[in-house]
Structures are given as C-alpha cells and as structure tokens.
Amino acid sequence: MDGTSFMSVDEVAQTLGVSKSYAYKIVHQLNAELKAEGYLTISGRVNKQYFIERTCYGVTKKER
C-alpha cells in the first residue's frame, strides 16, 4: 500500500487474503456504511483509514 488515502479492490484482497470477488463485496459494504453516514464514496475503492478501523488491523490486543 502506497501513500494514497484509498485502497483498491486488489489491495483489499491482498491484505485480507481473500478473492477479488469477495473483496468487491467488502468494499461495497464499507462504502455503503460510509454513504449512510453522509460521506462521498468512490466505487471500487475504500477509504484506507476506515478499512483499518473496521478490520482487525485497527485494534491492538489490549483493546480487544
């Protein structure tokens, strides 16, 4: 992942170790959540910070 603020479907698939088609479903779900909160979303991309918060990568063991 480079210094951009959005992740592509390919990056989501690689990070989570899932297929590209399942990564599309995840991106779609996360974007739907953001859209419901009033944020502008980009199809096929997800905000990197929101992705990290919503996956296990945003939580340390002490916080769990």
N, C-alpha and C. Protein backbone atom coordinates (compact mmCIF):
# COMPACT_ATOMS: atom_id res chain seq x y z
N MET A 1 0.84 -1.18 0.00
CA MET A 1 0.00 0.00 0.00
C MET A 1 0.89 1.24 0.00
N ASP A 2 0.63 2.10 -0.92
CA ASP A 2 1.43 3.31 -1.02
C ASP A 2 0.82 4.43 -0.16
N GLY A 3 1.17 5.66 -0.42
CA GLY A 3 0.75 6.77 0.41
C GLY A 3 -0.60 7.37 0.06
N THR A 4 -1.45 6.67 -0.68
CA THR A 4 -2.76 7.20 -1.02
C THR A 4 -3.74 7.00 0.13
N SER A 5 -4.85 7.71 0.07
CA SER A 5 -5.83 7.58 1.15
C SER A 5 -6.94 6.60 0.81
N PHE A 6 -6.88 5.97 -0.36
CA PHE A 6 -7.86 4.97 -0.75
C PHE A 6 -7.18 3.65 -1.10
N MET A 7 -7.88 2.55 -0.87
CA MET A 7 -7.39 1.23 -1.22
C MET A 7 -8.22 0.69 -2.37
N SER A 8 -7.56 0.06 -3.32
CA SER A 8 -8.28 -0.57 -4.42
C SER A 8 -8.76 -1.95 -3.98
N VAL A 9 -9.60 -2.54 -4.80
CA VAL A 9 -10.10 -3.89 -4.52
C VAL A 9 -8.94 -4.88 -4.47
N ASP A 10 -7.97 -4.71 -5.35
CA ASP A 10 -6.81 -5.60 -5.36
C ASP A 10 -6.04 -5.53 -4.03
N GLU A 11 -5.88 -4.32 -3.51
CA GLU A 11 -5.17 -4.15 -2.23
C GLU A 11 -5.96 -4.76 -1.08
N VAL A 12 -7.28 -4.61 -1.10
CA VAL A 12 -8.12 -5.21 -0.05
C VAL A 12 -8.00 -6.73 -0.11
N ALA A 13 -8.08 -7.29 -1.31
CA ALA A 13 -7.97 -8.74 -1.47
C ALA A 13 -6.62 -9.25 -0.98
N GLN A 14 -5.57 -8.54 -1.32
CA GLN A 14 -4.22 -8.96 -0.91
C GLN A 14 -4.05 -8.83 0.61
N THR A 15 -4.53 -7.74 1.18
CA THR A 15 -4.38 -7.51 2.62
C THR A 15 -5.12 -8.55 3.44
N LEU A 16 -6.34 -8.88 3.02
CA LEU A 16 -7.16 -9.83 3.77
C LEU A 16 -6.95 -11.28 3.35
N GLY A 17 -6.28 -11.48 2.23
CA GLY A 17 -6.06 -12.84 1.74
C GLY A 17 -7.33 -13.49 1.23
N VAL A 18 -8.17 -12.70 0.55
CA VAL A 18 -9.43 -13.21 0.01
C VAL A 18 -9.42 -13.04 -1.50
N SER A 19 -10.44 -13.62 -2.15
CA SER A 19 -10.54 -13.49 -3.60
C SER A 19 -10.95 -12.07 -3.97
N LYS A 20 -10.71 -11.74 -5.22
CA LYS A 20 -11.05 -10.41 -5.71
C LYS A 20 -12.57 -10.17 -5.67
N SER A 21 -13.35 -11.20 -5.98
CA SER A 21 -14.81 -11.03 -5.96
C SER A 21 -15.32 -10.79 -4.54
N TYR A 22 -14.72 -11.46 -3.54
CA TYR A 22 -15.12 -11.22 -2.16
C TYR A 22 -14.66 -9.84 -1.69
N ALA A 23 -13.51 -9.40 -2.17
CA ALA A 23 -13.02 -8.07 -1.83
C ALA A 23 -13.98 -7.00 -2.36
N TYR A 24 -14.57 -7.23 -3.54
CA TYR A 24 -15.57 -6.30 -4.07
C TYR A 24 -16.76 -6.19 -3.12
N LYS A 25 -17.18 -7.31 -2.55
CA LYS A 25 -18.31 -7.30 -1.61
C LYS A 25 -17.95 -6.51 -0.35
N ILE A 26 -16.74 -6.67 0.13
CA ILE A 26 -16.29 -5.95 1.32
C ILE A 26 -16.24 -4.46 1.04
N VAL A 27 -15.66 -4.07 -0.09
CA VAL A 27 -15.56 -2.66 -0.46
C VAL A 27 -16.96 -2.07 -0.60
N HIS A 28 -17.86 -2.81 -1.22
CA HIS A 28 -19.23 -2.34 -1.39
C HIS A 28 -19.91 -2.13 -0.03
N GLN A 29 -19.72 -3.06 0.89
CA GLN A 29 -20.31 -2.96 2.23
C GLN A 29 -19.75 -1.75 2.99
N LEU A 30 -18.45 -1.59 2.97
CA LEU A 30 -17.84 -0.47 3.68
C LEU A 30 -18.26 0.87 3.08
N ASN A 31 -18.34 0.93 1.75
CA ASN A 31 -18.79 2.16 1.10
C ASN A 31 -20.25 2.46 1.40
N ALA A 32 -21.08 1.42 1.52
CA ALA A 32 -22.49 1.62 1.88
C ALA A 32 -22.59 2.21 3.29
N GLU A 33 -21.76 1.72 4.21
CA GLU A 33 -21.74 2.27 5.57
C GLU A 33 -21.33 3.73 5.56
N LEU A 34 -20.29 4.05 4.79
CA LEU A 34 -19.83 5.44 4.71
C LEU A 34 -20.88 6.34 4.06
N LYS A 35 -21.52 5.84 3.02
CA LYS A 35 -22.55 6.62 2.33
C LYS A 35 -23.73 6.90 3.26
N ALA A 36 -24.10 5.93 4.10
CA ALA A 36 -25.19 6.11 5.06
C ALA A 36 -24.85 7.18 6.09
N GLU A 37 -23.57 7.37 6.35
CA GLU A 37 -23.13 8.41 7.28
C GLU A 37 -22.96 9.76 6.59
N GLY A 38 -23.21 9.80 5.28
CA GLY A 38 -23.16 11.06 4.55
C GLY A 38 -21.86 11.35 3.85
N TYR A 39 -20.97 10.37 3.78
CA TYR A 39 -19.69 10.58 3.11
C TYR A 39 -19.78 10.26 1.63
N LEU A 40 -18.98 10.92 0.84
CA LEU A 40 -18.85 10.64 -0.58
C LEU A 40 -17.95 9.42 -0.75
N THR A 41 -18.36 8.48 -1.58
CA THR A 41 -17.56 7.27 -1.79
C THR A 41 -17.17 7.14 -3.26
N ILE A 42 -16.15 6.34 -3.50
CA ILE A 42 -15.68 6.07 -4.85
C ILE A 42 -15.85 4.58 -5.11
N SER A 43 -16.58 4.24 -6.16
CA SER A 43 -16.83 2.85 -6.49
C SER A 43 -15.51 2.12 -6.76
N GLY A 44 -15.35 0.94 -6.17
CA GLY A 44 -14.14 0.16 -6.38
C GLY A 44 -12.98 0.54 -5.49
N ARG A 45 -13.18 1.54 -4.65
CA ARG A 45 -12.13 1.98 -3.71
C ARG A 45 -12.77 2.21 -2.34
N VAL A 46 -11.97 2.05 -1.31
CA VAL A 46 -12.46 2.29 0.04
C VAL A 46 -11.43 3.15 0.78
N ASN A 47 -11.91 4.01 1.65
CA ASN A 47 -11.03 4.84 2.44
C ASN A 47 -10.14 3.95 3.30
N LYS A 48 -8.84 4.15 3.21
CA LYS A 48 -7.87 3.30 3.90
C LYS A 48 -8.05 3.36 5.42
N GLN A 49 -8.24 4.55 5.96
CA GLN A 49 -8.39 4.70 7.40
C GLN A 49 -9.64 3.97 7.90
N TYR A 50 -10.74 4.09 7.17
CA TYR A 50 -11.98 3.41 7.56
C TYR A 50 -11.81 1.89 7.46
N PHE A 51 -11.13 1.43 6.42
CA PHE A 51 -10.85 0.00 6.27
C PHE A 51 -10.08 -0.53 7.48
N ILE A 52 -9.06 0.19 7.89
CA ILE A 52 -8.24 -0.23 9.03
C ILE A 52 -9.06 -0.25 10.32
N GLU A 53 -9.92 0.75 10.50
CA GLU A 53 -10.76 0.80 11.69
C GLU A 53 -11.76 -0.35 11.74
N ARG A 54 -12.32 -0.72 10.60
CA ARG A 54 -13.37 -1.73 10.54
C ARG A 54 -12.84 -3.16 10.52
N THR A 55 -11.57 -3.34 10.25
CA THR A 55 -10.99 -4.69 10.25
C THR A 55 -10.17 -4.86 11.52
N CYS A 56 -9.70 -6.05 11.72
CA CYS A 56 -8.93 -6.34 12.92
C CYS A 56 -7.59 -5.60 12.96
N TYR A 57 -7.19 -4.98 11.84
CA TYR A 57 -5.90 -4.30 11.79
C TYR A 57 -5.89 -2.99 12.56
N GLY A 58 -7.06 -2.47 12.92
CA GLY A 58 -7.14 -1.21 13.63
C GLY A 58 -7.19 -1.36 15.13
N VAL A 59 -7.15 -2.61 15.65
CA VAL A 59 -7.30 -2.85 17.07
C VAL A 59 -6.07 -3.61 17.57
N THR A 60 -5.52 -3.15 18.66
CA THR A 60 -4.41 -3.89 19.27
C THR A 60 -4.97 -4.92 20.22
N LYS A 61 -4.15 -5.86 20.66
CA LYS A 61 -4.62 -6.92 21.54
C LYS A 61 -5.15 -6.38 22.86
N LYS A 62 -4.56 -5.33 23.37
CA LYS A 62 -5.01 -4.76 24.64
C LYS A 62 -6.42 -4.17 24.52
N GLU A 63 -6.78 -3.64 23.34
CA GLU A 63 -8.09 -3.05 23.16
C GLU A 63 -9.19 -4.09 23.03
N ARG A 64 -8.85 -5.30 22.59
CA ARG A 64 -9.83 -6.36 22.44
C ARG A 64 -10.20 -6.85 23.79
